[in-house]
């Protein structure tokens, strides 16, 4: 998670679900930047996962 914050300047945190398993939560204001970073690596059939 710290790599996402430091290297990519994304605002994120770790949330734990009921089974105490960690998930990375990306804040809404960082989503546009995240999409810009990962979109070139997504196949077109999976772009809906990014809301595109």
Foldseek 3Di string as FASTA:
>chain_A
DVCCCPVQVWDWDWDADPVRDIDIGTDPVRLVSVCVVCVVVDDPVCCVVSVD
